[in-house]
Amino acid sequence: MPFSSLTGPVDLARAHAALEAAWTDIKTRKPIIDERERDRLAVIVASLAPLAMDEEDLAQRAVEKFRA
């Protein structure tokens, strides 16, 4: 579980919102992508969650790292 390292409900909600936003961004630019890539993105979001200021920042950082 990528988000198991997050402790509080606020952190979980923020990570989930960022994951959804980042996934939407990625899917719009590359519509044919499989669910394994979503799992990879979830791991990226979880790893960046402690560094981000808010959901938008977290989503942006995750998209950048996903594409790198």
Protein backbone atom coordinates (compact mmCIF):
# COMPACT_ATOMS: atom_id res chain seq x y z
CA MET A 1 0.00 0.00 0.00
CA PRO A 2 1.67 3.21 -1.12
CA PHE A 3 -0.15 5.42 1.38
CA SER A 4 0.43 3.21 4.43
CA SER A 5 3.30 5.46 5.51
CA LEU A 6 0.93 8.42 5.89
CA THR A 7 -0.41 8.66 9.40
CA GLY A 8 -3.24 11.15 9.69
CA PRO A 9 -6.55 11.42 7.85
CA VAL A 10 -5.59 14.86 6.55
CA ASP A 11 -2.37 13.49 5.05
CA LEU A 12 -4.28 10.62 3.45
CA ALA A 13 -6.91 12.94 2.00
CA ARG A 14 -4.26 15.29 0.65
CA ALA A 15 -2.33 12.44 -0.96
CA HIS A 16 -5.49 10.97 -2.49
CA ALA A 17 -6.56 14.35 -3.91
CA ALA A 18 -3.08 14.89 -5.34
CA LEU A 19 -3.06 11.40 -6.86
CA GLU A 20 -6.39 12.03 -8.58
CA ALA A 21 -5.26 15.42 -9.91
CA ALA A 22 -1.92 14.08 -11.14
CA TRP A 23 -3.56 11.03 -12.74
CA THR A 24 -6.06 13.25 -14.57
CA ASP A 25 -3.21 15.41 -15.87
CA ILE A 26 -1.22 12.40 -17.05
CA LYS A 27 -4.24 10.68 -18.65
CA THR A 28 -5.14 13.81 -20.63
CA ARG A 29 -1.70 13.94 -22.18
CA LYS A 30 -1.35 10.18 -22.68
CA PRO A 31 -4.82 8.59 -22.80
CA ILE A 32 -3.57 5.04 -23.37
CA ILE A 33 -1.91 4.14 -20.10
CA ASP A 34 -2.50 1.15 -17.87
CA GLU A 35 -3.31 0.81 -14.19
CA ARG A 36 0.24 -0.28 -13.32
CA GLU A 37 1.30 3.25 -14.14
CA ARG A 38 -1.31 4.56 -11.70
CA ASP A 39 0.22 2.34 -9.02
CA ARG A 40 3.64 3.76 -9.88
CA LEU A 41 2.22 7.28 -9.56
CA ALA A 42 0.71 6.41 -6.17
CA VAL A 43 4.15 5.38 -4.90
CA ILE A 44 5.59 8.65 -6.19
CA VAL A 45 2.83 10.67 -4.49
CA ALA A 46 3.41 8.85 -1.19
CA SER A 47 7.14 9.48 -1.35
CA LEU A 48 6.69 13.19 -2.06
CA ALA A 49 3.83 13.83 0.38
CA PRO A 50 6.04 14.98 3.28
CA LEU A 51 7.79 17.53 1.02
CA ALA A 52 4.76 19.19 -0.56
CA MET A 53 3.06 22.32 0.70
CA ASP A 54 -0.45 21.38 -0.48
CA GLU A 55 -2.35 19.07 -2.85
CA GLU A 56 -1.59 21.18 -5.91
CA ASP A 57 2.14 21.25 -5.15
CA LEU A 58 2.12 17.51 -4.47
CA ALA A 59 0.30 16.75 -7.73
CA GLN A 60 2.67 18.94 -9.73
CA ARG A 61 5.78 17.37 -8.18
CA ALA A 62 4.37 13.88 -8.74
CA VAL A 63 3.63 14.54 -12.42
CA GLU A 64 7.14 15.93 -12.92
CA LYS A 65 8.77 12.92 -11.27
CA PHE A 66 6.47 10.49 -13.13
CA ARG A 67 7.54 11.97 -16.46
CA ALA A 68 11.25 12.08 -15.59
